[in-house]
Amino acid sequence: MIIGTGIDVVDVARFEAQIARTPGLVERLFTPGERGLHVRSLAARFAAKEAAAKALKAPPGMIWQHCWIEKDPSGAPVLRTEGTVADEARRQGIDRWHLTMTHDGGIAMAMVVAERTAPEAPAPGAPGHEGQVPA
């Protein structure tokens, strides 16, 4: 079941200018493994983090470094989470992320789908619930 979707677009030149005029921005937004990438790739990863936040319905207190992008053996991007982002995903029952990213012509874009693959637990009192049925 799809729990949320998010999409984000980043103007690469504007993102690069923001990085240049904001000391510490790269360190605040990206994990050490992401920081050495070309600005196009950073912009796409920022778009992915924004898209993930939108898929989570933009919870307050999200720490940007708790969401990062790695590549699987085939080179496809994979969204990873920990801490504040993983906690919110768990709270919403999200156990799978789908991610696509691209950059071309000065624009970076990412789309995220947050999915629950595990069956939902029955509500208290519903057939199949292991707990006591309220009197």
Protein backbone atom coordinates (compact mmCIF):
# COMPACT_ATOMS: atom_id res chain seq x y z
CA MET A 1 0.00 0.00 0.00
CA ILE A 2 1.34 3.42 -0.92
CA ILE A 3 1.51 5.62 2.18
CA GLY A 4 2.92 8.77 0.56
CA THR A 5 4.55 10.26 -2.50
CA GLY A 6 6.84 13.22 -2.96
CA ILE A 7 8.50 15.04 -5.81
CA ASP A 8 10.95 17.92 -5.84
CA VAL A 9 12.80 19.96 -8.46
CA VAL A 10 16.02 21.91 -7.81
CA ASP A 11 17.61 24.55 -10.02
CA VAL A 12 21.26 23.42 -9.97
CA ALA A 13 22.78 26.91 -10.48
CA ARG A 14 20.63 28.39 -7.71
CA PHE A 15 21.52 25.47 -5.41
CA GLU A 16 25.22 25.95 -6.16
CA ALA A 17 24.95 29.68 -5.37
CA GLN A 18 23.18 28.87 -2.07
CA ILE A 19 25.98 26.48 -1.13
CA ALA A 20 28.60 29.14 -1.95
CA ARG A 21 26.98 31.83 0.20
CA THR A 22 25.94 29.61 3.16
CA PRO A 23 28.90 28.23 5.11
CA GLY A 24 28.19 24.80 6.55
CA LEU A 25 25.16 24.10 4.34
CA VAL A 26 26.71 21.04 2.70
CA GLU A 27 27.66 19.66 6.13
CA ARG A 28 24.15 20.30 7.46
CA LEU A 29 22.32 18.69 4.53
CA PHE A 30 24.54 15.80 3.49
CA THR A 31 26.27 12.81 5.06
CA PRO A 32 30.06 12.57 4.81
CA GLY A 33 29.67 10.00 2.01
CA GLU A 34 27.58 12.41 -0.07
CA ARG A 35 29.58 15.60 0.41
CA GLY A 36 32.29 15.03 -2.21
CA LEU A 37 29.85 14.61 -5.10
CA HIS A 38 29.45 17.04 -8.00
CA VAL A 39 26.92 19.83 -7.38
CA ARG A 40 24.47 18.22 -9.88
CA SER A 41 24.46 15.05 -7.79
CA LEU A 42 24.12 17.02 -4.55
CA ALA A 43 21.15 18.89 -6.02
CA ALA A 44 19.50 15.61 -7.03
CA ARG A 45 20.10 14.19 -3.56
CA PHE A 46 18.66 17.31 -1.96
CA ALA A 47 15.60 16.91 -4.20
CA ALA A 48 15.36 13.28 -3.02
CA LYS A 49 15.50 14.34 0.65
CA GLU A 50 12.80 16.97 0.03
CA ALA A 51 10.68 14.39 -1.83
CA ALA A 52 11.09 11.94 1.07
CA ALA A 53 9.99 14.66 3.52
CA LYS A 54 6.91 15.28 1.37
CA ALA A 55 6.15 11.54 1.24
CA LEU A 56 6.28 11.60 5.07
CA LYS A 57 3.93 14.63 5.07
CA ALA A 58 6.75 16.98 6.17
CA PRO A 59 7.09 16.04 9.84
CA PRO A 60 8.67 18.69 12.10
CA GLY A 61 12.11 17.94 13.49
CA MET A 62 13.41 15.96 10.53
CA ILE A 63 17.22 15.93 10.46
CA TRP A 64 18.48 16.05 6.85
CA GLN A 65 21.43 13.75 7.50
CA HIS A 66 19.04 11.03 8.70
CA CYS A 67 18.08 10.49 5.06
CA TRP A 68 20.71 9.77 2.42
CA ILE A 69 21.15 8.17 -0.96
CA GLU A 70 23.39 5.26 -1.84
CA LYS A 71 23.70 3.22 -5.02
CA ASP A 72 22.84 -0.46 -5.27
CA PRO A 73 25.18 -2.83 -7.17
CA SER A 74 23.50 -1.94 -10.48
CA GLY A 75 23.99 1.81 -9.85
CA ALA A 76 20.34 2.55 -9.04
CA PRO A 77 19.74 5.06 -6.22
CA VAL A 78 18.54 3.70 -2.89
CA LEU A 79 17.05 5.85 -0.12
CA ARG A 80 18.42 5.05 3.35
CA THR A 81 17.09 6.36 6.65
CA GLU A 82 17.94 6.42 10.34
CA GLY A 83 17.04 8.47 13.40
CA THR A 84 14.25 11.03 12.96
CA VAL A 85 13.37 9.97 9.41
CA ALA A 86 13.37 6.23 10.17
CA ASP A 87 11.31 6.83 13.33
CA GLU A 88 8.62 8.73 11.40
CA ALA A 89 8.62 6.15 8.60
CA ARG A 90 8.16 3.38 11.19
CA ARG A 91 5.36 5.35 12.88
CA GLN A 92 3.54 5.54 9.54
CA GLY A 93 4.20 1.86 8.76
CA ILE A 94 6.56 2.60 5.86
CA ASP A 95 8.92 -0.28 5.20
CA ARG A 96 9.95 0.30 1.57
CA TRP A 97 11.11 3.35 -0.36
CA HIS A 98 11.14 3.80 -4.14
CA LEU A 99 13.35 6.55 -5.54
CA THR A 100 14.21 7.96 -8.92
CA MET A 101 16.50 10.93 -9.53
CA THR A 102 17.72 12.80 -12.59
CA HIS A 103 19.55 15.95 -13.60
CA ASP A 104 19.65 17.57 -17.02
CA GLY A 105 19.68 21.07 -18.44
CA GLY A 106 20.43 22.72 -15.11
CA ILE A 107 17.56 21.01 -13.27
CA ALA A 108 17.71 18.16 -10.75
CA MET A 109 14.59 16.19 -9.88
CA ALA A 110 13.64 13.34 -7.60
CA MET A 111 10.48 11.37 -6.90
CA VAL A 112 9.90 9.18 -3.86
CA VAL A 113 7.18 6.66 -3.11
CA ALA A 114 6.81 5.47 0.50
CA GLU A 115 5.22 2.04 0.77
CA ARG A 116 3.93 -0.34 3.43
CA THR A 117 4.49 -3.94 2.33
CA ALA A 118 3.62 -5.60 5.63
CA PRO A 119 -0.05 -6.34 6.24
CA GLU A 120 -1.77 -3.90 8.56
CA ALA A 121 -2.42 -5.15 12.06
CA PRO A 122 -6.12 -5.57 12.79
CA ALA A 123 -7.68 -2.89 14.95
CA PRO A 124 -8.44 -3.83 18.57
CA GLY A 125 -11.67 -5.80 18.66
CA ALA A 126 -11.50 -6.69 14.96
CA PRO A 127 -11.38 -10.32 13.81
CA GLY A 128 -7.81 -11.55 13.99
CA HIS A 129 -6.76 -9.20 16.80
CA GLU A 130 -4.86 -11.06 19.50
CA GLY A 131 -5.85 -8.78 22.37
CA GLN A 132 -8.95 -8.59 24.53
CA VAL A 133 -12.15 -7.39 22.96
CA PRO A 134 -13.51 -4.43 24.95
CA ALA A 135 -16.68 -5.21 26.92
